[in-house]
Structure formats: structure tokens, C-alpha cells
Amino acid sequence: MTTMTEASVREFKMPDVGEGLTEAEILKWYVQPGDTVTDGQVVCEVETAKAAVELPIPYDGVVRALHFPEGTTVDVGTAIIAVDVSGGAAPTAEQPAPAAEQTPAPRPTDEPKAEGSGRQPVLVGYGVATSSTRRRPRKGPEVPVQQASTAIQTELNGHGAAPQAASAVKERPLAKPPVRKLAKDLGVDLTTVVPTGPDGIITREDVHAAVARTQAPQQEAPVAAAPAPAQTPVSYDTTRETRIPVKGVRKATAAAMVGSAFTAPHVTEFVTVDVTRTMKLVEELKQDKEFAGLRVNPLLLIAKALLVAIRRNPDVNASWDEAAQEIVVKHYVNLGIAAATPRGLIVPNIKDAHAKTLPQLAESLGALVSTAREGKTSPAAMQGGTVTITNVGVFGVDTGTPILNPGESAILAVGAIKLQPWVHKGKVKPRQVTTLALSFDHRLVDGELGSKVLADVAAILEQPKRLITWA
């Protein structure tokens, strides 16, 4: 009888399936203990802050155990499934080699070389290596970053902190000047922020996280300070209320919207336009053989109108680099389309939309929408957007004041297209009318530029022939 040894068991860890994601929720297991798995076989589906992703196992073997049930949120790097590879499978980069094959050394070599050098395994290959930057020695007592973070976190949790560690951290918090300015503007004490950047440097995200973390305790403090009467305990009517955990796409959306709203100074402009000619063109294109099998709708021509407006006003297609204090002008357009899904709002984008013909743009829009509805949008499809369109008109809404997608400088909201009385050629006639709203980052887009972009989009939709004359 063969005895099972721990050396034959490989622990598959939750990979980073996106850029910088820290956790994922296990939605569904496709295998159970005792099942045989092969290299590349999908074993589970997880939901990150950006999308639902299927995870393949990187080796052959028999499932020994599933460490977490469905519905559990697991940190990246945590083992989620154990597989027995005693059938002869070679050790993989994810797991340690068998003990019998290791050469004794002063330090254990359980982890592969890539992990030993500070790099974490991801779904394909390895993540970014830990920074090797060396900072010159500073005067005064030094406190290890991990010790400082622990001390601060303990204090924030209400358990107090080691006096020496706390005083040392308060003397020299590591942060770049733009981050210090952001903290000052938001009223955040950098000595209370837990750093997550390389070498213990405080990042912009750390400052925003500190704001979100401290707001809740401040609101709850008065309630906690005043003892509640014993006869009136806090309770909830579970028969008439439903509490939904904030996680996955909803959690990421909330953090992104708060960060955007309180970082970029938003300005929103509106214009109401007669789109009757555009609606007629949509009907004509539906009969065109070049669009056979493609979905043709007003959003297609609105997207094309925005792309032409960006070509005429390229400076609107940019982003603000706070750390470098630079405006980054993009010479390409990755056009984001806001999509409502059962998991929440996502914004996948069409890569290099500026270079696509109208039929190609229609094909890309159709694929984007269908993939989003199926919940199969990949994290890569939601990265690198430069400008976004949100179609609130599908809900019968006239317009809105959209919040910028983080890292972008403009977002166009399209309202419902309705038949309304309109002065046309000197007479009041029923015309198809809609309202457009353009929000932009006033740090890099001034009122003149934003107005020109919105006016160009409206002019094209009023006279679609400008798609030819201006393009």
C-alpha cells in the first residue's frame, strides 16, 4: 500500500488574472476531490473586480482538496486547490520540488527562483519584479516598513500602537510631492496611511483608501461612544430588507467612481440636437449589403461621430499623470462603452477604434455588447480606455452628468431619442431629438476645447454627411 506523501501534493494558488488585482471570488468549482485533472483543464470560475474568469490548472493529477467553498473571496497568492501529482508529473513553477530531490542548504528552497526573487506567479508567466531601488540612508531611527504598517493598522483598528514605532513613522512618511499635496487637500495625515508602494512609499491609492477607511469610523464614533439602552438593541427587519455584500465589480466600480469624482474636477456641458437625418441613415445602413449580419443602431453613428470629433480636437484624448505632473496625449483611441451587466457596470473598450471603418466598428460594438451580456468580458478588454460613451437613453432618460472613467479625460452621455416639436426650415415639425452631455476633466480640458468636441458631435449627428466631409 502506497503512503501519500506531502511532497506529491501541489497547491495551486489564486493567480493575479489582471493588473494589480488583490482578490477574487470563487463563483463555481468545476471539479471535486477525487477528480482527475490535466494540464490546462479549467477547474473553477472566479470573479475579480473587473470580470469573471475561468482558471486552468497548470499540471496533471488528482484533486486532493478544495480549500474554499463557492462564494468565498480569496486573496491573490492563497492556495485554493490541492492536487496529488504522484503519478509522475514534474514539479511546476507554482509549487516546491519533492523534498527527496532537494539539496540541503542553509535556507529552504521550497519556492521557485522567480518567487524567491520577489515575483509572484500569475495566470501566465510572472508578475512585476519587486523594485530594486536603493534609497540613501536617512538620519534618525529606522523602522521596518512591515513593522510600521502593522503598528499603524493596529492603531487604526482601535487597539493602540507601539509608541516607539508610531513616533518613528510619524517623523518620515515616504511619499512623492504630488501625493503629499493630495493628502493635504483631502485632510489626510500621511502618518496614518498604510503604504503599499515599492519600498514602503505611500501612493495615491493609499491616500484614497485612508479617506474611505476613516470616514466610516468617524460616522460611527458618536454612536459607539453613547451606550445604547439595553431595551432597544439595533436590529434589522430581515423580512423586508436584503443586505448585499459589496464585492467584485460593484466594489471596484464604487472605488473607481469615488476616486474619480474627488480627484478630477468634472465639468459637464449639454446640447440638444435634431438627429432625424441620423435616424434615416441608420435605416438605410441596415439595408446595405456591407452591413449584412451586423447590428446597426444609433450608437454606431454616435460612436463614429465622437471619433471624428476627437480627430478634429485631438487634445481631448488625453490623461493626467499626477506623479509626473504631465498631460499624456494619446495618439490612438480605445473607445469605452459603458455596459450594465448582472454583476454591475463595466466599461470594456474597442482597441484602436479610430482606425476602424464603419462596418468594422459595427462588428466590434456587437462583439463587445454580446460578450458583456454573457459576463465573459476579459480584464484586458477593460484596460487602456481613453474616452467613453454611456447610453442612458436606453432607459428612457433624457440625459445625465456622467462621472469620468479613471484615467480618461472625457465621457459622452447619450439621452433618449424622442419625437418632439422642432423648428425645421422655419416651421414647427415633429423631429427626432436627443440631448448629449459631455463631462470632461477640467485640469487638462478647458471649456473651449470641451465645447468644440460636443459641438462637433452634435453637428455630425444633425448632418451625418459630415462623417464624410470632416473625416
Protein backbone atom coordinates (compact mmCIF):
# COMPACT_ATOMS: atom_id res chain seq x y z
CA MET A 1 0.00 0.00 0.00
CA THR A 2 1.48 3.30 -1.07
CA THR A 3 1.51 6.05 1.50
CA MET A 4 0.57 9.51 0.26
CA THR A 5 3.39 11.98 0.88
CA GLU A 6 3.06 15.76 1.13
CA ALA A 7 5.83 16.12 -1.47
CA SER A 8 3.46 14.74 -4.11
CA VAL A 9 0.79 17.38 -3.42
CA ARG A 10 0.80 20.64 -5.35
CA GLU A 11 -1.07 23.68 -4.04
CA PHE A 12 -2.48 25.86 -6.83
CA LYS A 13 -2.65 29.48 -5.72
CA MET A 14 -5.10 32.18 -6.71
CA PRO A 15 -3.31 33.99 -9.57
CA ASP A 16 -3.41 37.67 -10.41
CA VAL A 17 -5.63 37.49 -13.50
CA GLY A 18 -5.47 41.24 -14.10
CA GLU A 19 -3.14 44.16 -13.45
CA GLY A 20 -2.73 44.66 -9.73
CA LEU A 21 -5.86 42.79 -8.62
CA THR A 22 -5.62 41.66 -5.00
CA GLU A 23 -8.56 39.29 -4.58
CA ALA A 24 -11.17 37.26 -6.42
CA GLU A 25 -14.40 35.47 -5.52
CA ILE A 26 -14.79 31.79 -6.34
CA LEU A 27 -18.04 31.61 -8.31
CA LYS A 28 -18.09 27.94 -9.26
CA TRP A 29 -15.99 24.79 -8.91
CA TYR A 30 -15.89 22.51 -11.95
CA VAL A 31 -14.08 19.69 -10.11
CA GLN A 32 -14.44 17.86 -6.79
CA PRO A 33 -11.98 15.91 -4.58
CA GLY A 34 -11.08 12.67 -6.28
CA ASP A 35 -11.49 14.01 -9.83
CA THR A 36 -8.62 13.62 -12.27
CA VAL A 37 -7.37 16.83 -13.86
CA THR A 38 -5.00 17.52 -16.74
CA ASP A 39 -2.67 20.39 -17.52
CA GLY A 40 -4.75 23.31 -18.85
CA GLN A 41 -8.11 21.99 -17.64
CA VAL A 42 -10.44 24.66 -16.24
CA VAL A 43 -11.10 23.88 -12.57
CA CYS A 44 -13.07 26.92 -11.43
CA GLU A 45 -14.58 30.27 -12.36
CA VAL A 46 -13.69 33.34 -10.33
CA GLU A 47 -14.91 36.91 -10.35
CA THR A 48 -12.38 39.67 -9.95
CA ALA A 49 -13.02 43.36 -9.59
CA LYS A 50 -13.16 43.53 -13.38
CA ALA A 51 -14.67 40.35 -14.83
CA ALA A 52 -15.47 36.67 -14.46
CA VAL A 53 -12.51 34.47 -15.45
CA GLU A 54 -12.04 30.71 -15.76
CA LEU A 55 -8.86 29.34 -14.17
CA PRO A 56 -6.96 26.39 -15.69
CA ILE A 57 -4.83 24.07 -13.55
CA PRO A 58 -1.14 24.02 -14.61
CA TYR A 59 -0.43 20.31 -14.06
CA ASP A 60 -1.82 16.75 -14.17
CA GLY A 61 -3.03 14.87 -11.11
CA VAL A 62 -5.93 14.01 -8.82
CA VAL A 63 -7.76 16.63 -6.79
CA ARG A 64 -6.92 16.15 -3.11
CA ALA A 65 -8.94 19.06 -1.63
CA LEU A 66 -10.78 22.29 -2.40
CA HIS A 67 -9.70 24.82 0.23
CA PHE A 68 -12.60 27.26 -0.19
CA PRO A 69 -16.31 26.83 -0.98
CA GLU A 70 -18.12 28.72 -3.74
CA GLY A 71 -18.89 32.32 -2.87
CA THR A 72 -15.68 32.85 -0.89
CA THR A 73 -13.44 35.85 -1.64
CA VAL A 74 -9.79 34.78 -1.66
CA ASP A 75 -6.65 36.92 -1.70
CA VAL A 76 -4.25 36.58 -4.63
CA GLY A 77 -1.45 34.15 -3.75
CA THR A 78 -3.60 31.99 -1.45
CA ALA A 79 -3.77 28.27 -2.21
CA ILE A 80 -7.26 27.31 -3.38
CA ILE A 81 -6.91 23.69 -4.52
CA ALA A 82 -4.57 20.78 -3.69
CA VAL A 83 -3.68 18.27 -6.41
CA ASP A 84 -1.81 14.99 -5.97
CA VAL A 85 0.71 14.64 -8.80
CA SER A 86 2.27 11.39 -7.58
CA GLY A 87 1.52 9.83 -10.96
CA GLY A 88 4.84 11.21 -12.17
CA ALA A 89 4.10 14.81 -13.10
CA ALA A 90 7.12 17.05 -12.87
CA PRO A 91 7.14 19.86 -10.31
CA THR A 92 5.83 23.12 -11.70
CA ALA A 93 6.89 26.68 -11.10
CA GLU A 94 3.88 27.11 -8.83
CA GLN A 95 4.97 24.57 -6.24
CA PRO A 96 8.09 23.27 -4.41
CA ALA A 97 10.00 20.27 -5.73
CA PRO A 98 9.87 16.95 -3.77
CA ALA A 99 11.97 17.02 -0.62
CA ALA A 100 14.00 13.97 -1.67
CA GLU A 101 15.32 15.80 -4.71
CA GLN A 102 16.43 18.92 -2.85
CA THR A 103 19.99 19.59 -1.79
CA PRO A 104 20.30 20.70 1.84
CA ALA A 105 21.06 24.38 2.14
CA PRO A 106 21.12 26.95 4.91
CA ARG A 107 17.85 28.37 3.60
CA PRO A 108 14.87 26.30 2.37
CA THR A 109 14.38 26.28 -1.39
CA ASP A 110 10.72 25.38 -1.41
CA GLU A 111 9.82 28.31 -3.62
CA PRO A 112 10.94 28.59 -7.25
CA LYS A 113 13.59 31.06 -8.28
CA ALA A 114 11.09 33.55 -9.61
CA GLU A 115 9.20 33.64 -6.34
CA GLY A 116 12.40 33.80 -4.33
CA SER A 117 13.33 36.96 -6.16
CA GLY A 118 10.14 38.64 -5.05
CA ARG A 119 7.96 37.88 -8.09
CA GLN A 120 4.52 36.32 -7.77
CA PRO A 121 3.16 33.75 -10.26
CA VAL A 122 0.22 34.95 -12.34
CA LEU A 123 -2.04 33.11 -14.75
CA VAL A 124 0.61 33.24 -17.47
CA GLY A 125 4.26 33.85 -16.52
CA TYR A 126 5.21 36.05 -13.57
CA GLY A 127 4.26 39.45 -12.32
CA VAL A 128 6.40 42.52 -12.00
CA ALA A 129 9.59 42.05 -10.02
CA THR A 130 9.95 43.77 -6.66
CA SER A 131 11.65 47.12 -7.00
CA SER A 132 15.42 47.04 -6.54
CA THR A 133 15.63 50.77 -5.88
CA ARG A 134 18.00 51.65 -3.07
CA ARG A 135 17.40 54.83 -1.10
CA ARG A 136 20.28 56.66 0.59
CA PRO A 137 20.41 56.26 4.39
CA ARG A 138 18.50 58.83 6.41
CA LYS A 139 19.31 60.26 9.79
CA GLY A 140 17.29 59.16 12.76
CA PRO A 141 15.86 55.82 13.83
CA GLU A 142 14.67 53.47 11.11
CA VAL A 143 11.53 51.37 11.43
CA PRO A 144 10.94 48.43 9.05
CA VAL A 145 8.05 49.11 6.66
CA GLN A 146 6.23 45.95 7.68
CA GLN A 147 6.55 46.86 11.38
CA ALA A 148 5.40 50.41 10.67
CA SER A 149 2.41 49.23 8.62
CA THR A 150 1.42 46.79 11.34
CA ALA A 151 1.68 49.45 14.02
CA ILE A 152 -0.44 51.91 12.07
CA GLN A 153 -3.03 49.33 11.12
CA THR A 154 -3.28 48.23 14.75
CA GLU A 155 -3.84 51.82 15.81
CA LEU A 156 -6.49 52.33 13.12
CA ASN A 157 -8.26 49.19 14.33
CA GLY A 158 -8.58 50.79 17.75
CA HIS A 159 -6.05 48.62 19.64
CA GLY A 160 -3.34 51.22 20.02
CA ALA A 161 0.16 51.04 18.63
CA ALA A 162 3.69 50.64 19.88
CA PRO A 163 4.76 54.15 20.99
CA GLN A 164 8.26 53.91 19.55
CA ALA A 165 7.11 52.60 16.17
CA ALA A 166 4.33 55.17 15.89
CA SER A 167 6.61 58.09 16.69
CA ALA A 168 9.23 56.89 14.24
CA VAL A 169 6.73 56.54 11.42
CA LYS A 170 5.28 59.98 12.01
CA GLU A 171 8.71 61.51 11.55
CA ARG A 172 9.34 60.38 7.99
CA PRO A 173 6.41 59.05 5.93
CA LEU A 174 7.59 58.19 2.39
CA ALA A 175 5.55 59.87 -0.34
CA LYS A 176 6.15 61.85 -3.52
CA PRO A 177 5.30 65.57 -3.54
CA PRO A 178 2.08 65.16 -5.62
CA VAL A 179 0.88 62.52 -3.18
CA ARG A 180 1.65 64.78 -0.24
CA LYS A 181 -0.34 67.57 -1.89
CA LEU A 182 -3.28 65.22 -2.47
CA ALA A 183 -3.18 64.15 1.17
CA LYS A 184 -3.11 67.77 2.29
CA ASP A 185 -6.07 68.66 0.06
CA LEU A 186 -8.08 65.72 1.41
CA GLY A 187 -7.07 66.38 5.02
CA VAL A 188 -5.24 63.05 5.40
CA ASP A 189 -2.37 62.67 7.86
CA LEU A 190 0.27 60.66 5.99
CA THR A 191 1.49 59.12 9.22
CA THR A 192 -1.82 57.26 9.48
CA VAL A 193 -1.66 55.84 5.93
CA VAL A 194 -0.55 52.26 5.35
CA PRO A 195 1.92 52.27 2.39
CA THR A 196 1.59 49.68 -0.37
CA GLY A 197 4.03 51.09 -2.91
CA PRO A 198 7.59 49.87 -3.58
CA ASP A 199 9.99 50.36 -0.66
CA GLY A 200 7.13 51.49 1.58
CA ILE A 201 6.21 54.56 -0.47
CA ILE A 202 2.68 55.91 0.00
CA THR A 203 0.72 56.03 -3.27
CA ARG A 204 -2.34 58.00 -4.36
CA GLU A 205 -4.43 54.86 -3.93
CA ASP A 206 -3.23 54.55 -0.33
CA VAL A 207 -4.42 58.10 0.39
CA HIS A 208 -7.86 57.45 -1.11
CA ALA A 209 -8.08 54.18 0.83
CA ALA A 210 -7.28 56.06 4.04
CA VAL A 211 -10.10 58.53 3.33
CA ALA A 212 -12.60 55.71 2.77
CA ARG A 213 -11.35 53.84 5.84
CA THR A 214 -11.57 56.78 8.22
CA GLN A 215 -14.94 58.13 7.10
CA ALA A 216 -16.91 55.14 8.41
CA PRO A 217 -15.36 55.12 11.91
CA GLN A 218 -15.89 58.89 12.20
CA GLN A 219 -19.55 58.48 11.39
CA GLU A 220 -19.94 55.55 13.76
CA ALA A 221 -17.89 57.02 16.62
CA PRO A 222 -20.69 59.08 18.22
CA VAL A 223 -22.98 56.07 18.20
CA ALA A 224 -20.30 53.84 19.75
CA ALA A 225 -19.46 56.43 22.40
CA ALA A 226 -23.03 56.72 23.62
CA PRO A 227 -24.16 53.49 25.32
CA ALA A 228 -27.32 52.19 23.73
CA PRO A 229 -30.23 51.35 26.02
CA ALA A 230 -30.43 47.64 26.72
CA GLN A 231 -34.12 47.53 25.90
CA THR A 232 -33.66 48.92 22.35
CA PRO A 233 -30.95 46.84 20.63
CA VAL A 234 -30.16 47.59 16.98
CA SER A 235 -31.99 45.15 14.74
CA TYR A 236 -32.98 44.79 11.12
CA ASP A 237 -36.20 43.60 9.59
CA THR A 238 -34.83 40.65 7.63
CA THR A 239 -38.25 40.00 6.12
CA ARG A 240 -38.38 43.44 4.50
CA GLU A 241 -34.69 44.22 3.93
CA THR A 242 -31.97 42.50 1.96
CA ARG A 243 -28.29 43.13 2.62
CA ILE A 244 -25.99 42.51 -0.33
CA PRO A 245 -22.21 42.27 0.28
CA VAL A 246 -20.23 44.84 -1.71
CA LYS A 247 -17.66 42.89 -3.70
CA GLY A 248 -16.41 42.10 -7.18
CA VAL A 249 -17.41 44.50 -9.96
CA ARG A 250 -19.65 46.57 -7.67
CA LYS A 251 -16.81 47.11 -5.18
CA ALA A 252 -14.37 48.11 -7.91
CA THR A 253 -16.90 50.45 -9.53
CA ALA A 254 -17.62 52.17 -6.22
CA ALA A 255 -13.93 52.74 -5.50
CA ALA A 256 -13.25 53.97 -9.04
CA MET A 257 -16.17 56.40 -9.06
CA VAL A 258 -15.30 57.87 -5.65
CA GLY A 259 -11.67 58.23 -6.68
CA SER A 260 -12.60 59.89 -9.98
CA ALA A 261 -15.23 62.22 -8.54
CA PHE A 262 -12.89 63.56 -5.84
CA THR A 263 -9.73 63.66 -7.96
CA ALA A 264 -10.70 65.06 -11.37
CA PRO A 265 -12.62 68.37 -11.40
CA HIS A 266 -15.64 67.49 -13.52
CA VAL A 267 -17.36 69.89 -15.88
CA THR A 268 -20.47 68.78 -17.81
CA GLU A 269 -21.92 70.54 -20.85
CA PHE A 270 -25.19 69.78 -22.65
CA VAL A 271 -26.60 70.19 -26.12
CA THR A 272 -29.96 69.20 -27.61
CA VAL A 273 -29.81 68.18 -31.25
CA ASP A 274 -32.10 67.12 -34.09
CA VAL A 275 -30.95 63.61 -35.13
CA THR A 276 -33.69 62.93 -37.67
CA ARG A 277 -31.21 62.60 -40.56
CA THR A 278 -29.04 60.28 -38.49
CA MET A 279 -32.01 58.01 -37.78
CA LYS A 280 -32.79 57.88 -41.51
CA LEU A 281 -29.18 56.93 -42.24
CA VAL A 282 -29.40 54.13 -39.67
CA GLU A 283 -32.38 52.65 -41.54
CA GLU A 284 -30.54 52.93 -44.86
CA LEU A 285 -27.41 51.23 -43.50
CA LYS A 286 -29.50 48.31 -42.26
CA GLN A 287 -30.32 47.58 -45.91
CA ASP A 288 -26.72 47.96 -47.09
CA LYS A 289 -25.02 44.68 -48.00
CA GLU A 290 -21.80 45.88 -46.35
CA PHE A 291 -23.60 45.64 -43.01
CA ALA A 292 -25.25 42.28 -43.61
CA GLY A 293 -25.27 40.31 -40.35
CA LEU A 294 -24.10 43.33 -38.35
CA ARG A 295 -26.07 45.28 -35.77
CA VAL A 296 -26.70 48.83 -36.94
CA ASN A 297 -28.16 51.28 -34.42
CA PRO A 298 -27.83 54.96 -33.47
CA LEU A 299 -24.96 54.16 -31.07
CA LEU A 300 -22.83 53.12 -34.05
CA LEU A 301 -23.12 56.54 -35.70
CA ILE A 302 -22.76 58.36 -32.38
CA ALA A 303 -19.51 56.46 -31.74
CA LYS A 304 -18.26 57.36 -35.21
CA ALA A 305 -19.24 60.99 -34.67
CA LEU A 306 -17.24 61.11 -31.43
CA LEU A 307 -14.21 59.56 -33.15
CA VAL A 308 -14.35 62.23 -35.89
CA ALA A 309 -14.72 64.97 -33.24
CA ILE A 310 -11.62 63.63 -31.45
CA ARG A 311 -9.68 63.67 -34.73
CA ARG A 312 -10.61 67.34 -35.13
CA ASN A 313 -9.77 68.08 -31.48
CA PRO A 314 -7.02 65.59 -30.53
CA ASP A 315 -6.07 67.25 -27.24
CA VAL A 316 -9.27 65.97 -25.62
CA ASN A 317 -7.97 62.40 -25.95
CA ALA A 318 -5.51 62.64 -23.06
CA SER A 319 -4.92 61.76 -19.42
CA TRP A 320 -3.44 63.47 -16.36
CA ASP A 321 -0.27 62.00 -14.84
CA GLU A 322 -0.28 63.29 -11.27
CA ALA A 323 3.03 61.73 -10.26
CA ALA A 324 4.97 63.12 -13.24
CA GLN A 325 2.87 66.31 -13.45
CA GLU A 326 2.36 65.76 -17.16
CA ILE A 327 -0.54 65.66 -19.62
CA VAL A 328 -0.35 62.50 -21.71
CA VAL A 329 -1.92 62.98 -25.15
CA LYS A 330 -2.96 59.66 -26.73
CA HIS A 331 -2.47 59.25 -30.48
CA TYR A 332 -4.92 56.36 -30.52
CA VAL A 333 -8.50 55.97 -29.33
CA ASN A 334 -9.60 53.00 -27.24
CA LEU A 335 -13.32 53.72 -27.18
CA GLY A 336 -15.05 52.59 -23.98
CA ILE A 337 -18.73 51.61 -23.99
CA ALA A 338 -20.41 51.56 -20.57
CA ALA A 339 -22.42 48.34 -20.23
CA ALA A 340 -24.86 47.35 -17.48
CA THR A 341 -24.47 43.66 -16.57
CA PRO A 342 -25.98 41.46 -13.84
CA ARG A 343 -22.69 41.87 -11.94
CA GLY A 344 -22.70 45.66 -12.23
CA LEU A 345 -21.41 48.39 -14.53
CA ILE A 346 -18.37 47.59 -16.65
CA VAL A 347 -16.63 49.63 -19.34
CA PRO A 348 -14.92 47.44 -21.95
CA ASN A 349 -13.29 49.31 -24.80
CA ILE A 350 -12.71 48.89 -28.52
CA LYS A 351 -8.98 48.96 -29.15
CA ASP A 352 -7.79 51.39 -31.85
CA ALA A 353 -11.35 52.40 -32.68
CA HIS A 354 -10.03 55.43 -34.56
CA ALA A 355 -8.57 53.16 -37.27
CA LYS A 356 -11.75 51.14 -37.93
CA THR A 357 -14.14 51.54 -40.84
CA LEU A 358 -17.85 51.85 -40.07
CA PRO A 359 -18.56 48.14 -40.73
CA GLN A 360 -15.55 47.17 -38.58
CA LEU A 361 -16.75 49.45 -35.80
CA ALA A 362 -20.22 47.86 -36.01
CA GLU A 363 -18.69 44.40 -35.73
CA SER A 364 -16.58 45.40 -32.71
CA LEU A 365 -19.56 47.03 -30.98
CA GLY A 366 -21.68 43.92 -31.47
CA ALA A 367 -18.97 41.62 -30.10
CA LEU A 368 -18.37 43.92 -27.12
CA VAL A 369 -22.04 44.07 -26.15
CA SER A 370 -22.71 40.35 -26.52
CA THR A 371 -19.59 39.41 -24.54
CA ALA A 372 -20.55 41.82 -21.75
CA ARG A 373 -24.09 40.43 -21.53
CA GLU A 374 -22.70 36.90 -21.24
CA GLY A 375 -20.42 38.01 -18.41
CA LYS A 376 -17.33 36.90 -20.34
CA THR A 377 -15.59 40.26 -20.72
CA SER A 378 -11.87 39.78 -20.02
CA PRO A 379 -9.85 42.13 -17.78
CA ALA A 380 -7.72 43.11 -20.79
CA ALA A 381 -10.83 44.36 -22.61
CA MET A 382 -11.45 46.86 -19.79
CA GLN A 383 -7.92 48.26 -19.61
CA GLY A 384 -6.39 51.13 -21.51
CA GLY A 385 -9.54 53.08 -22.40
CA THR A 386 -9.09 56.71 -23.48
CA VAL A 387 -12.66 58.05 -23.82
CA THR A 388 -16.09 56.56 -23.06
CA ILE A 389 -19.71 56.63 -24.26
CA THR A 390 -22.59 55.84 -21.88
CA ASN A 391 -26.02 55.38 -23.45
CA VAL A 392 -28.53 56.29 -20.74
CA GLY A 393 -31.19 56.75 -23.40
CA VAL A 394 -31.90 53.01 -23.46
CA PHE A 395 -33.55 53.52 -20.05
CA GLY A 396 -35.76 56.36 -21.32
CA VAL A 397 -33.62 59.00 -19.61
CA ASP A 398 -33.14 62.37 -21.31
CA THR A 399 -29.55 62.93 -20.14
CA GLY A 400 -27.22 62.76 -17.15
CA THR A 401 -23.96 64.05 -15.69
CA PRO A 402 -21.63 61.07 -16.15
CA ILE A 403 -18.56 60.51 -13.98
CA LEU A 404 -15.27 60.04 -15.80
CA ASN A 405 -13.80 56.58 -16.07
CA PRO A 406 -10.50 56.72 -14.10
CA GLY A 407 -7.55 57.61 -16.33
CA GLU A 408 -9.72 59.24 -19.00
CA SER A 409 -10.48 62.89 -19.71
CA ALA A 410 -13.95 62.76 -21.30
CA ILE A 411 -17.18 60.76 -21.30
CA LEU A 412 -20.21 61.32 -23.55
CA ALA A 413 -23.72 60.55 -22.29
CA VAL A 414 -26.44 59.97 -24.88
CA GLY A 415 -30.06 60.55 -23.91
CA ALA A 416 -33.26 59.01 -25.26
CA ILE A 417 -34.16 59.85 -28.85
CA LYS A 418 -37.74 61.13 -28.86
CA LEU A 419 -40.17 62.63 -31.34
CA GLN A 420 -40.53 66.29 -30.33
CA PRO A 421 -41.81 69.55 -31.87
CA TRP A 422 -38.85 71.28 -33.51
CA VAL A 423 -38.39 74.33 -35.70
CA HIS A 424 -37.21 72.96 -39.04
CA LYS A 425 -36.85 75.22 -42.09
CA GLY A 426 -38.94 77.88 -40.41
CA LYS A 427 -41.81 75.59 -39.45
CA VAL A 428 -42.59 73.62 -36.32
CA LYS A 429 -42.45 69.93 -37.22
CA PRO A 430 -42.13 66.65 -35.32
CA ARG A 431 -38.44 65.70 -35.35
CA GLN A 432 -36.30 63.07 -33.68
CA VAL A 433 -34.40 64.88 -30.92
CA THR A 434 -31.90 63.86 -28.26
CA THR A 435 -29.73 65.52 -25.61
CA LEU A 436 -25.99 64.92 -25.35
CA ALA A 437 -23.90 65.55 -22.22
CA LEU A 438 -20.11 65.68 -22.20
CA SER A 439 -18.22 65.51 -18.90
CA PHE A 440 -14.52 66.30 -19.01
CA ASP A 441 -11.54 66.73 -16.69
CA HIS A 442 -11.07 70.48 -16.31
CA ARG A 443 -7.42 70.03 -15.35
CA LEU A 444 -6.50 69.32 -18.97
CA VAL A 445 -9.65 70.12 -20.97
CA ASP A 446 -10.75 73.74 -20.78
CA GLY A 447 -14.22 75.00 -21.62
CA GLU A 448 -13.36 75.93 -25.20
CA LEU A 449 -11.97 72.50 -26.08
CA GLY A 450 -14.81 70.64 -24.39
CA SER A 451 -17.38 72.81 -26.14
CA LYS A 452 -15.78 72.24 -29.54
CA VAL A 453 -15.86 68.48 -29.10
CA LEU A 454 -19.51 68.44 -28.03
CA ALA A 455 -20.50 70.87 -30.80
CA ASP A 456 -18.76 68.72 -33.42
CA VAL A 457 -20.55 65.57 -32.28
CA ALA A 458 -23.89 67.39 -32.39
CA ALA A 459 -23.17 68.85 -35.84
CA ILE A 460 -22.35 65.42 -37.27
CA LEU A 461 -25.50 63.86 -35.85
CA GLU A 462 -27.56 66.71 -37.27
CA GLN A 463 -25.89 66.43 -40.67
CA PRO A 464 -24.40 62.90 -40.99
CA LYS A 465 -22.78 63.80 -44.32
CA ARG A 466 -20.11 65.50 -42.20
CA LEU A 467 -18.85 62.00 -41.43
CA ILE A 468 -17.50 62.14 -44.97
CA THR A 469 -16.55 65.80 -45.33
CA TRP A 470 -14.82 66.03 -41.93
CA ALA A 471 -13.28 62.57 -41.87
